């Protein structure tokens, strides 16, 4: 029972961060219709930026986020302006090829710069633990921080989409781009800002994941697949559903690691995803 509770709590805490990563991809998809297959590799780039800031200035990841936010926001905006915008009028498969190519370029660049050895970003909170229920449950402090920040950012994102002019413009472009143009909305501006916001969310997610995480230049594809699973489970543009999908994937991943031995435990999230896809192909919260 204690192991079950431990796995559930850890899965919820880690899954909230998965949801945050997928929210960035969901924002991008909502205004462009593009699924960014380089999302995981951009996350890994953000983690290596945090590693470089620690090596150069001894910045804790929670401090380096101040520098990482503008860097990743600019990277997201440039992704749209230099690459995605040029191919949006073509076939949707062109965007898949473009972002996959970008994924391989980023991975190869990281291998050349940092090598293939596993590394990690030291943090003051990586060894900190919270003991609950007279020692029955032990939770890493960094995961609690990640959960709190992910929930806060999700609420801020919900408020932004429903209470600000930019949020209304994003929803208008998502619902009907041609009508949005006729209403005087600058679609190019909205898309650029949305891609920048997606990059900024990746910077925050990288900081939240970094304590205790082993870095590898080739880990980007794994995070991309997890993000796409979360995105599909959530219904692509249902932001609450995306966050819920992240929690479900996190819990399933934790349960698989506890109750399924060996590498077979890694298959469990993908098997559960396939079952959900058969039963709820339009997303968890869809009424269709």
C-alpha atoms as a PDB file:
ATOM      1  CA  UNK A   1       0.000   0.000   0.000  1.00  0.00           C
ATOM      2  CA  UNK A   2       2.827   2.367   0.876  1.00  0.00           C
ATOM      3  CA  UNK A   3       4.545   1.555  -2.426  1.00  0.00           C
ATOM      4  CA  UNK A   4       1.301   2.226  -4.290  1.00  0.00           C
ATOM      5  CA  UNK A   5       0.806   5.591  -2.578  1.00  0.00           C
ATOM      6  CA  UNK A   6       4.461   6.473  -3.193  1.00  0.00           C
ATOM      7  CA  UNK A   7       4.131   5.654  -6.878  1.00  0.00           C
ATOM      8  CA  UNK A   8       0.869   7.575  -7.245  1.00  0.00           C
ATOM      9  CA  UNK A   9       2.276  10.706  -5.614  1.00  0.00           C
ATOM     10  CA  UNK A  10       5.495  10.593  -7.640  1.00  0.00           C
ATOM     11  CA  UNK A  11       3.539   9.959 -10.845  1.00  0.00           C
ATOM     12  CA  UNK A  12       1.255  12.946 -10.238  1.00  0.00           C
ATOM     13  CA  UNK A  13       4.186  15.234  -9.438  1.00  0.00           C
ATOM     14  CA  UNK A  14       6.273  14.184 -12.451  1.00  0.00           C
ATOM     15  CA  UNK A  15       3.240  14.042 -14.733  1.00  0.00           C
ATOM     16  CA  UNK A  16       2.386  17.672 -14.027  1.00  0.00           C
ATOM     17  CA  UNK A  17       5.724  18.635 -15.585  1.00  0.00           C
ATOM     18  CA  UNK A  18       4.978  16.437 -18.604  1.00  0.00           C
ATOM     19  CA  UNK A  19       1.714  18.338 -18.891  1.00  0.00           C
ATOM     20  CA  UNK A  20       3.573  21.643 -18.815  1.00  0.00           C
ATOM     21  CA  UNK A  21       5.846  20.534 -21.685  1.00  0.00           C
ATOM     22  CA  UNK A  22       2.802  19.397 -23.662  1.00  0.00           C
ATOM     23  CA  UNK A  23       1.018  22.709 -22.999  1.00  0.00           C
ATOM     24  CA  UNK A  24       3.810  24.433 -24.925  1.00  0.00           C
ATOM     25  CA  UNK A  25       3.300  22.074 -27.850  1.00  0.00           C
ATOM     26  CA  UNK A  26      -0.474  22.482 -27.571  1.00  0.00           C
ATOM     27  CA  UNK A  27      -0.175  26.264 -27.777  1.00  0.00           C
ATOM     28  CA  UNK A  28       1.928  25.973 -30.926  1.00  0.00           C
ATOM     29  CA  UNK A  29      -0.467  23.472 -32.497  1.00  0.00           C
ATOM     30  CA  UNK A  30      -3.497  25.619 -31.670  1.00  0.00           C
ATOM     31  CA  UNK A  31      -2.332  28.549 -33.818  1.00  0.00           C
ATOM     32  CA  UNK A  32      -0.369  26.756 -36.538  1.00  0.00           C
ATOM     33  CA  UNK A  33      -1.621  23.182 -36.824  1.00  0.00           C
ATOM     34  CA  UNK A  34       2.017  22.051 -36.575  1.00  0.00           C
ATOM     35  CA  UNK A  35       3.138  19.253 -34.243  1.00  0.00           C
ATOM     36  CA  UNK A  36       6.717  20.094 -33.314  1.00  0.00           C
ATOM     37  CA  UNK A  37       8.691  16.847 -33.398  1.00  0.00           C
ATOM     38  CA  UNK A  38      11.731  18.749 -32.119  1.00  0.00           C
ATOM     39  CA  UNK A  39       9.977  19.645 -28.847  1.00  0.00           C
ATOM     40  CA  UNK A  40      11.899  17.088 -26.814  1.00  0.00           C
ATOM     41  CA  UNK A  41      15.235  18.104 -28.298  1.00  0.00           C
ATOM     42  CA  UNK A  42      14.516  21.772 -27.581  1.00  0.00           C
ATOM     43  CA  UNK A  43      13.858  20.737 -23.979  1.00  0.00           C
ATOM     44  CA  UNK A  44      17.238  18.976 -23.893  1.00  0.00           C
ATOM     45  CA  UNK A  45      18.879  22.100 -25.337  1.00  0.00           C
ATOM     46  CA  UNK A  46      17.356  24.119 -22.489  1.00  0.00           C
ATOM     47  CA  UNK A  47      18.755  21.612 -19.984  1.00  0.00           C
ATOM     48  CA  UNK A  48      22.230  21.925 -21.502  1.00  0.00           C
ATOM     49  CA  UNK A  49      21.920  25.719 -21.369  1.00  0.00           C
ATOM     50  CA  UNK A  50      21.277  25.322 -17.628  1.00  0.00           C
ATOM     51  CA  UNK A  51      24.337  23.051 -17.406  1.00  0.00           C
ATOM     52  CA  UNK A  52      26.490  25.631 -19.215  1.00  0.00           C
ATOM     53  CA  UNK A  53      25.277  28.431 -16.933  1.00  0.00           C
ATOM     54  CA  UNK A  54      26.201  26.348 -13.895  1.00  0.00           C
ATOM     55  CA  UNK A  55      29.642  25.511 -15.316  1.00  0.00           C
ATOM     56  CA  UNK A  56      30.367  29.151 -16.208  1.00  0.00           C
ATOM     57  CA  UNK A  57      28.733  31.089 -13.359  1.00  0.00           C
ATOM     58  CA  UNK A  58      27.707  28.456 -10.770  1.00  0.00           C
ATOM     59  CA  UNK A  59      24.050  29.369 -11.297  1.00  0.00           C
ATOM     60  CA  UNK A  60      21.566  27.032  -9.673  1.00  0.00           C
ATOM     61  CA  UNK A  61      18.941  25.968 -12.249  1.00  0.00           C
ATOM     62  CA  UNK A  62      16.259  27.831 -10.313  1.00  0.00           C
ATOM     63  CA  UNK A  63      18.358  30.988 -10.718  1.00  0.00           C
ATOM     64  CA  UNK A  64      19.429  30.355 -14.312  1.00  0.00           C
ATOM     65  CA  UNK A  65      15.784  30.336 -15.431  1.00  0.00           C
ATOM     66  CA  UNK A  66      16.029  34.155 -15.539  1.00  0.00           C
ATOM     67  CA  UNK A  67      18.587  33.810 -18.349  1.00  0.00           C
ATOM     68  CA  UNK A  68      17.025  30.748 -19.971  1.00  0.00           C
ATOM     69  CA  UNK A  69      13.552  32.256 -20.381  1.00  0.00           C
ATOM     70  CA  UNK A  70      14.511  34.928 -22.944  1.00  0.00           C
ATOM     71  CA  UNK A  71      16.909  32.545 -24.715  1.00  0.00           C
ATOM     72  CA  UNK A  72      14.278  29.862 -25.248  1.00  0.00           C
ATOM     73  CA  UNK A  73      11.546  32.414 -26.035  1.00  0.00           C
ATOM     74  CA  UNK A  74      13.729  33.865 -28.802  1.00  0.00           C
ATOM     75  CA  UNK A  75      14.512  30.328 -30.018  1.00  0.00           C
ATOM     76  CA  UNK A  76      10.793  29.568 -30.227  1.00  0.00           C
ATOM     77  CA  UNK A  77      10.072  32.768 -32.152  1.00  0.00           C
ATOM     78  CA  UNK A  78      12.953  32.072 -34.555  1.00  0.00           C
ATOM     79  CA  UNK A  79      11.670  28.542 -35.093  1.00  0.00           C
ATOM     80  CA  UNK A  80       8.476  30.009 -36.472  1.00  0.00           C
ATOM     81  CA  UNK A  81       9.948  32.968 -38.372  1.00  0.00           C
ATOM     82  CA  UNK A  82      12.800  31.106 -40.062  1.00  0.00           C
ATOM     83  CA  UNK A  83      11.365  27.622 -40.568  1.00  0.00           C
ATOM     84  CA  UNK A  84       7.709  26.959 -39.849  1.00  0.00           C
ATOM     85  CA  UNK A  85       6.299  30.070 -41.533  1.00  0.00           C
ATOM     86  CA  UNK A  86       7.972  29.172 -44.826  1.00  0.00           C
ATOM     87  CA  UNK A  87       6.307  25.756 -45.098  1.00  0.00           C
ATOM     88  CA  UNK A  88       2.862  26.341 -43.586  1.00  0.00           C
ATOM     89  CA  UNK A  89       1.228  26.735 -46.992  1.00  0.00           C
ATOM     90  CA  UNK A  90       2.552  23.354 -48.103  1.00  0.00           C
ATOM     91  CA  UNK A  91       1.563  19.828 -47.162  1.00  0.00           C
ATOM     92  CA  UNK A  92       1.339  19.056 -43.445  1.00  0.00           C
ATOM     93  CA  UNK A  93       3.974  16.341 -43.878  1.00  0.00           C
ATOM     94  CA  UNK A  94       6.527  19.042 -44.725  1.00  0.00           C
ATOM     95  CA  UNK A  95       6.264  20.377 -41.161  1.00  0.00           C
ATOM     96  CA  UNK A  96       6.839  16.864 -39.818  1.00  0.00           C
ATOM     97  CA  UNK A  97       9.950  16.475 -41.966  1.00  0.00           C
ATOM     98  CA  UNK A  98      11.203  19.932 -41.032  1.00  0.00           C
ATOM     99  CA  UNK A  99      10.848  19.476 -37.274  1.00  0.00           C
ATOM    100  CA  UNK A 100      12.296  15.955 -37.428  1.00  0.00           C
ATOM    101  CA  UNK A 101      15.294  17.313 -39.333  1.00  0.00           C
ATOM    102  CA  UNK A 102      15.677  20.042 -36.711  1.00  0.00           C
ATOM    103  CA  UNK A 103      15.570  17.330 -34.044  1.00  0.00           C
ATOM    104  CA  UNK A 104      18.501  15.483 -35.642  1.00  0.00           C
ATOM    105  CA  UNK A 105      20.449  18.726 -36.089  1.00  0.00           C
ATOM    106  CA  UNK A 106      20.013  19.663 -32.423  1.00  0.00           C
ATOM    107  CA  UNK A 107      20.940  16.172 -31.260  1.00  0.00           C
ATOM    108  CA  UNK A 108      24.082  16.055 -33.396  1.00  0.00           C
ATOM    109  CA  UNK A 109      25.102  19.562 -32.302  1.00  0.00           C
ATOM    110  CA  UNK A 110      24.782  18.637 -28.628  1.00  0.00           C
ATOM    111  CA  UNK A 111      26.837  15.484 -29.201  1.00  0.00           C
ATOM    112  CA  UNK A 112      29.619  17.507 -30.834  1.00  0.00           C
ATOM    113  CA  UNK A 113      29.648  20.167 -28.115  1.00  0.00           C
ATOM    114  CA  UNK A 114      29.071  18.141 -24.936  1.00  0.00           C
ATOM    115  CA  UNK A 115      29.925  14.577 -25.949  1.00  0.00           C
ATOM    116  CA  UNK A 116      27.858  11.474 -25.299  1.00  0.00           C
ATOM    117  CA  UNK A 117      28.563  11.016 -21.582  1.00  0.00           C
ATOM    118  CA  UNK A 118      25.737  11.359 -19.080  1.00  0.00           C
ATOM    119  CA  UNK A 119      25.804  14.624 -17.141  1.00  0.00           C
ATOM    120  CA  UNK A 120      23.569  16.411 -14.665  1.00  0.00           C
ATOM    121  CA  UNK A 121      22.871  19.950 -13.519  1.00  0.00           C
ATOM    122  CA  UNK A 122      23.720  20.321  -9.805  1.00  0.00           C
ATOM    123  CA  UNK A 123      21.044  21.971  -7.710  1.00  0.00           C
ATOM    124  CA  UNK A 124      20.630  22.870  -4.067  1.00  0.00           C
ATOM    125  CA  UNK A 125      17.372  20.887  -4.008  1.00  0.00           C
ATOM    126  CA  UNK A 126      18.402  17.681  -5.779  1.00  0.00           C
ATOM    127  CA  UNK A 127      19.031  15.805  -2.489  1.00  0.00           C
ATOM    128  CA  UNK A 128      16.279  17.514  -0.471  1.00  0.00           C
ATOM    129  CA  UNK A 129      13.409  15.270   0.680  1.00  0.00           C
ATOM    130  CA  UNK A 130      10.016  15.819   2.264  1.00  0.00           C
ATOM    131  CA  UNK A 131       8.964  13.095   4.721  1.00  0.00           C
ATOM    132  CA  UNK A 132       5.212  12.665   5.130  1.00  0.00           C
ATOM    133  CA  UNK A 133       3.080  10.499   7.420  1.00  0.00           C
ATOM    134  CA  UNK A 134       5.767   9.653   9.983  1.00  0.00           C
ATOM    135  CA  UNK A 135       8.133   8.430   7.315  1.00  0.00           C
ATOM    136  CA  UNK A 136       5.594   6.410   5.332  1.00  0.00           C
ATOM    137  CA  UNK A 137       5.993   8.609   2.262  1.00  0.00           C
ATOM    138  CA  UNK A 138       9.167  10.272   1.042  1.00  0.00           C
ATOM    139  CA  UNK A 139       8.923  12.855  -1.734  1.00  0.00           C
ATOM    140  CA  UNK A 140      11.676  14.815  -3.422  1.00  0.00           C
ATOM    141  CA  UNK A 141      11.346  18.536  -2.769  1.00  0.00           C
ATOM    142  CA  UNK A 142      12.141  19.319  -6.393  1.00  0.00           C
ATOM    143  CA  UNK A 143       9.090  17.328  -7.522  1.00  0.00           C
ATOM    144  CA  UNK A 144       6.826  19.251  -5.148  1.00  0.00           C
ATOM    145  CA  UNK A 145       8.220  22.516  -6.532  1.00  0.00           C
ATOM    146  CA  UNK A 146       7.667  21.250 -10.092  1.00  0.00           C
ATOM    147  CA  UNK A 147       4.059  20.334  -9.305  1.00  0.00           C
ATOM    148  CA  UNK A 148       3.314  23.704  -7.689  1.00  0.00           C
ATOM    149  CA  UNK A 149       4.891  25.700 -10.517  1.00  0.00           C
ATOM    150  CA  UNK A 150       3.164  23.609 -13.212  1.00  0.00           C
ATOM    151  CA  UNK A 151      -0.244  24.132 -11.592  1.00  0.00           C
ATOM    152  CA  UNK A 152       0.401  27.859 -11.168  1.00  0.00           C
ATOM    153  CA  UNK A 153       1.515  28.284 -14.779  1.00  0.00           C
ATOM    154  CA  UNK A 154      -1.480  26.300 -16.007  1.00  0.00           C
ATOM    155  CA  UNK A 155      -3.832  28.628 -14.124  1.00  0.00           C
ATOM    156  CA  UNK A 156      -1.987  31.669 -15.481  1.00  0.00           C
ATOM    157  CA  UNK A 157      -2.239  30.255 -18.997  1.00  0.00           C
ATOM    158  CA  UNK A 158      -5.970  29.664 -18.532  1.00  0.00           C
ATOM    159  CA  UNK A 159      -6.390  33.226 -17.290  1.00  0.00           C
ATOM    160  CA  UNK A 160      -4.345  34.599 -20.186  1.00  0.00           C
ATOM    161  CA  UNK A 161      -6.375  32.712 -22.795  1.00  0.00           C
ATOM    162  CA  UNK A 162      -9.712  33.776 -21.350  1.00  0.00           C
ATOM    163  CA  UNK A 163      -9.106  37.235 -19.868  1.00  0.00           C
ATOM    164  CA  UNK A 164      -6.553  39.002 -22.077  1.00  0.00           C
ATOM    165  CA  UNK A 165      -6.640  40.369 -25.617  1.00  0.00           C
ATOM    166  CA  UNK A 166      -3.740  38.139 -26.665  1.00  0.00           C
ATOM    167  CA  UNK A 167      -5.539  35.090 -25.318  1.00  0.00           C
ATOM    168  CA  UNK A 168      -8.686  35.971 -27.223  1.00  0.00           C
ATOM    169  CA  UNK A 169      -6.632  36.447 -30.381  1.00  0.00           C
ATOM    170  CA  UNK A 170      -4.995  33.035 -29.888  1.00  0.00           C
ATOM    171  CA  UNK A 171      -8.396  31.404 -29.475  1.00  0.00           C
ATOM    172  CA  UNK A 172      -9.728  33.259 -32.517  1.00  0.00           C
ATOM    173  CA  UNK A 173      -6.838  32.071 -34.711  1.00  0.00           C
ATOM    174  CA  UNK A 174      -7.352  28.547 -33.365  1.00  0.00           C
ATOM    175  CA  UNK A 175     -11.081  28.518 -34.129  1.00  0.00           C
ATOM    176  CA  UNK A 176     -11.094  30.239 -37.540  1.00  0.00           C
ATOM    177  CA  UNK A 177      -7.965  31.838 -38.959  1.00  0.00           C
ATOM    178  CA  UNK A 178      -9.719  33.452 -41.949  1.00  0.00           C
ATOM    179  CA  UNK A 179     -12.355  35.041 -39.718  1.00  0.00           C
ATOM    180  CA  UNK A 180      -9.599  36.255 -37.381  1.00  0.00           C
ATOM    181  CA  UNK A 181      -7.861  37.987 -40.289  1.00  0.00           C
ATOM    182  CA  UNK A 182     -11.127  39.640 -41.341  1.00  0.00           C
ATOM    183  CA  UNK A 183     -11.547  40.918 -37.772  1.00  0.00           C
ATOM    184  CA  UNK A 184      -8.158  42.684 -38.010  1.00  0.00           C
ATOM    185  CA  UNK A 185      -6.077  40.226 -35.970  1.00  0.00           C
ATOM    186  CA  UNK A 186      -2.404  40.101 -36.937  1.00  0.00           C
ATOM    187  CA  UNK A 187      -2.049  36.329 -37.309  1.00  0.00           C
ATOM    188  CA  UNK A 188       1.718  36.461 -37.876  1.00  0.00           C
ATOM    189  CA  UNK A 189       2.190  38.394 -34.630  1.00  0.00           C
ATOM    190  CA  UNK A 190      -0.016  35.964 -32.703  1.00  0.00           C
ATOM    191  CA  UNK A 191       1.853  32.948 -34.049  1.00  0.00           C
ATOM    192  CA  UNK A 192       5.265  34.458 -33.307  1.00  0.00           C
ATOM    193  CA  UNK A 193       4.282  35.298 -29.730  1.00  0.00           C
ATOM    194  CA  UNK A 194       2.756  31.858 -29.253  1.00  0.00           C
ATOM    195  CA  UNK A 195       5.888  30.080 -30.455  1.00  0.00           C
ATOM    196  CA  UNK A 196       7.910  32.317 -28.109  1.00  0.00           C
ATOM    197  CA  UNK A 197       5.607  31.375 -25.227  1.00  0.00           C
ATOM    198  CA  UNK A 198       6.076  27.707 -26.095  1.00  0.00           C
ATOM    199  CA  UNK A 199       9.851  28.157 -25.909  1.00  0.00           C
ATOM    200  CA  UNK A 200       9.567  29.955 -22.565  1.00  0.00           C
ATOM    201  CA  UNK A 201       7.483  27.084 -21.154  1.00  0.00           C
ATOM    202  CA  UNK A 202      10.240  24.676 -22.222  1.00  0.00           C
ATOM    203  CA  UNK A 203      12.800  26.746 -20.284  1.00  0.00           C
ATOM    204  CA  UNK A 204      10.684  26.500 -17.121  1.00  0.00           C
ATOM    205  CA  UNK A 205      10.032  22.788 -17.644  1.00  0.00           C
ATOM    206  CA  UNK A 206      13.773  22.174 -18.077  1.00  0.00           C
ATOM    207  CA  UNK A 207      14.501  23.872 -14.760  1.00  0.00           C
ATOM    208  CA  UNK A 208      11.800  21.846 -13.012  1.00  0.00           C
ATOM    209  CA  UNK A 209      13.121  18.555 -14.425  1.00  0.00           C
ATOM    210  CA  UNK A 210      16.828  19.248 -13.952  1.00  0.00           C
ATOM    211  CA  UNK A 211      17.411  18.324 -10.256  1.00  0.00           C
ATOM    212  CA  UNK A 212      18.582  14.716 -10.209  1.00  0.00           C
ATOM    213  CA  UNK A 213      18.061  14.185 -13.954  1.00  0.00           C
ATOM    214  CA  UNK A 214      20.805  12.557 -16.034  1.00  0.00           C
ATOM    215  CA  UNK A 215      21.383  14.493 -19.260  1.00  0.00           C
ATOM    216  CA  UNK A 216      21.972  12.836 -22.606  1.00  0.00           C
ATOM    217  CA  UNK A 217      21.975  14.534 -26.038  1.00  0.00           C
ATOM    218  CA  UNK A 218      19.936  11.638 -27.427  1.00  0.00           C
ATOM    219  CA  UNK A 219      17.096  11.809 -24.869  1.00  0.00           C
ATOM    220  CA  UNK A 220      15.062  14.310 -26.885  1.00  0.00           C
ATOM    221  CA  UNK A 221      13.076  11.712 -28.852  1.00  0.00           C
ATOM    222  CA  UNK A 222      11.865  10.096 -25.623  1.00  0.00           C
ATOM    223  CA  UNK A 223      10.470  13.400 -24.367  1.00  0.00           C
ATOM    224  CA  UNK A 224       8.963  14.150 -27.768  1.00  0.00           C
ATOM    225  CA  UNK A 225       7.068  10.860 -27.739  1.00  0.00           C
ATOM    226  CA  UNK A 226       5.866  11.427 -24.161  1.00  0.00           C
ATOM    227  CA  UNK A 227       4.750  14.935 -25.089  1.00  0.00           C
ATOM    228  CA  UNK A 228       2.852  13.765 -28.157  1.00  0.00           C
ATOM    229  CA  UNK A 229       1.106  11.076 -26.090  1.00  0.00           C
ATOM    230  CA  UNK A 230       0.070  13.677 -23.526  1.00  0.00           C
ATOM    231  CA  UNK A 231      -1.070  16.051 -26.276  1.00  0.00           C
ATOM    232  CA  UNK A 232      -3.221  13.414 -27.990  1.00  0.00           C
ATOM    233  CA  UNK A 233      -4.696  12.218 -24.689  1.00  0.00           C
ATOM    234  CA  UNK A 234      -5.618  15.785 -23.830  1.00  0.00           C
ATOM    235  CA  UNK A 235      -7.340  16.412 -27.134  1.00  0.00           C
ATOM    236  CA  UNK A 236      -4.659  18.530 -28.884  1.00  0.00           C
ATOM    237  CA  UNK A 237      -6.126  21.948 -27.966  1.00  0.00           C
ATOM    238  CA  UNK A 238      -7.913  21.202 -24.677  1.00  0.00           C
ATOM    239  CA  UNK A 239      -5.399  22.686 -22.236  1.00  0.00           C
ATOM    240  CA  UNK A 240      -6.995  21.245 -19.088  1.00  0.00           C
ATOM    241  CA  UNK A 241      -7.165  17.866 -20.797  1.00  0.00           C
ATOM    242  CA  UNK A 242      -3.466  18.150 -21.731  1.00  0.00           C
ATOM    243  CA  UNK A 243      -2.494  18.749 -18.106  1.00  0.00           C
ATOM    244  CA  UNK A 244      -4.671  15.802 -17.044  1.00  0.00           C
ATOM    245  CA  UNK A 245      -3.069  13.660 -19.743  1.00  0.00           C
ATOM    246  CA  UNK A 246       0.377  14.532 -18.386  1.00  0.00           C
ATOM    247  CA  UNK A 247      -0.649  13.395 -14.906  1.00  0.00           C
ATOM    248  CA  UNK A 248      -2.044  10.116 -16.292  1.00  0.00           C
ATOM    249  CA  UNK A 249       1.147   9.373 -18.242  1.00  0.00           C
ATOM    250  CA  UNK A 250       3.232  10.222 -15.163  1.00  0.00           C
ATOM    251  CA  UNK A 251       1.204   7.893 -12.934  1.00  0.00           C
ATOM    252  CA  UNK A 252       1.245   5.057 -15.480  1.00  0.00           C
ATOM    253  CA  UNK A 253       5.001   5.471 -15.928  1.00  0.00           C
ATOM    254  CA  UNK A 254       5.545   5.315 -12.152  1.00  0.00           C
ATOM    255  CA  UNK A 255       3.283   2.270 -11.762  1.00  0.00           C
ATOM    256  CA  UNK A 256       5.023   0.501 -14.617  1.00  0.00           C
ATOM    257  CA  UNK A 257       8.403   1.097 -12.988  1.00  0.00           C
ATOM    258  CA  UNK A 258       7.161  -0.343  -9.690  1.00  0.00           C
ATOM    259  CA  UNK A 259       5.065  -3.341 -10.726  1.00  0.00           C
ATOM    260  CA  UNK A 260       6.585  -4.387 -14.065  1.00  0.00           C
ATOM    261  CA  UNK A 261      10.162  -5.621 -13.862  1.00  0.00           C
ATOM    262  CA  UNK A 262      12.986  -4.783 -16.227  1.00  0.00           C
ATOM    263  CA  UNK A 263      12.664  -2.884 -19.462  1.00  0.00           C
ATOM    264  CA  UNK A 264       9.102  -4.149 -19.899  1.00  0.00           C
ATOM    265  CA  UNK A 265       8.045  -1.402 -17.488  1.00  0.00           C
ATOM    266  CA  UNK A 266       9.013   1.167 -20.102  1.00  0.00           C
ATOM    267  CA  UNK A 267       6.402  -0.244 -22.469  1.00  0.00           C
ATOM    268  CA  UNK A 268       3.474   0.275 -20.074  1.00  0.00           C
ATOM    269  CA  UNK A 269       2.803   3.999 -20.848  1.00  0.00           C
ATOM    270  CA  UNK A 270       2.742   3.275 -24.585  1.00  0.00           C
ATOM    271  CA  UNK A 271       0.393   0.306 -24.123  1.00  0.00           C
ATOM    272  CA  UNK A 272      -1.998   2.380 -21.991  1.00  0.00           C
ATOM    273  CA  UNK A 273      -1.814   5.159 -24.574  1.00  0.00           C
ATOM    274  CA  UNK A 274      -2.788   2.725 -27.339  1.00  0.00           C
ATOM    275  CA  UNK A 275      -5.811   1.587 -25.295  1.00  0.00           C
ATOM    276  CA  UNK A 276      -6.888   5.183 -24.632  1.00  0.00           C
ATOM    277  CA  UNK A 277      -6.477   5.958 -28.320  1.00  0.00           C
ATOM    278  CA  UNK A 278      -8.851   3.137 -29.229  1.00  0.00           C
ATOM    279  CA  UNK A 279     -11.450   4.119 -26.623  1.00  0.00           C
ATOM    280  CA  UNK A 280     -11.152   7.937 -26.713  1.00  0.00           C
ATOM    281  CA  UNK A 281      -9.549   8.887 -30.047  1.00  0.00           C
ATOM    282  CA  UNK A 282     -10.634  12.551 -29.699  1.00  0.00           C
ATOM    283  CA  UNK A 283      -9.118  13.011 -26.223  1.00  0.00           C
ATOM    284  CA  UNK A 284      -9.996  12.352 -22.608  1.00  0.00           C
ATOM    285  CA  UNK A 285     -12.532  15.151 -22.220  1.00  0.00           C
ATOM    286  CA  UNK A 286     -14.014  15.099 -25.711  1.00  0.00           C
ATOM    287  CA  UNK A 287     -17.772  14.527 -25.994  1.00  0.00           C
ATOM    288  CA  UNK A 288     -17.473  13.135 -29.532  1.00  0.00           C
END
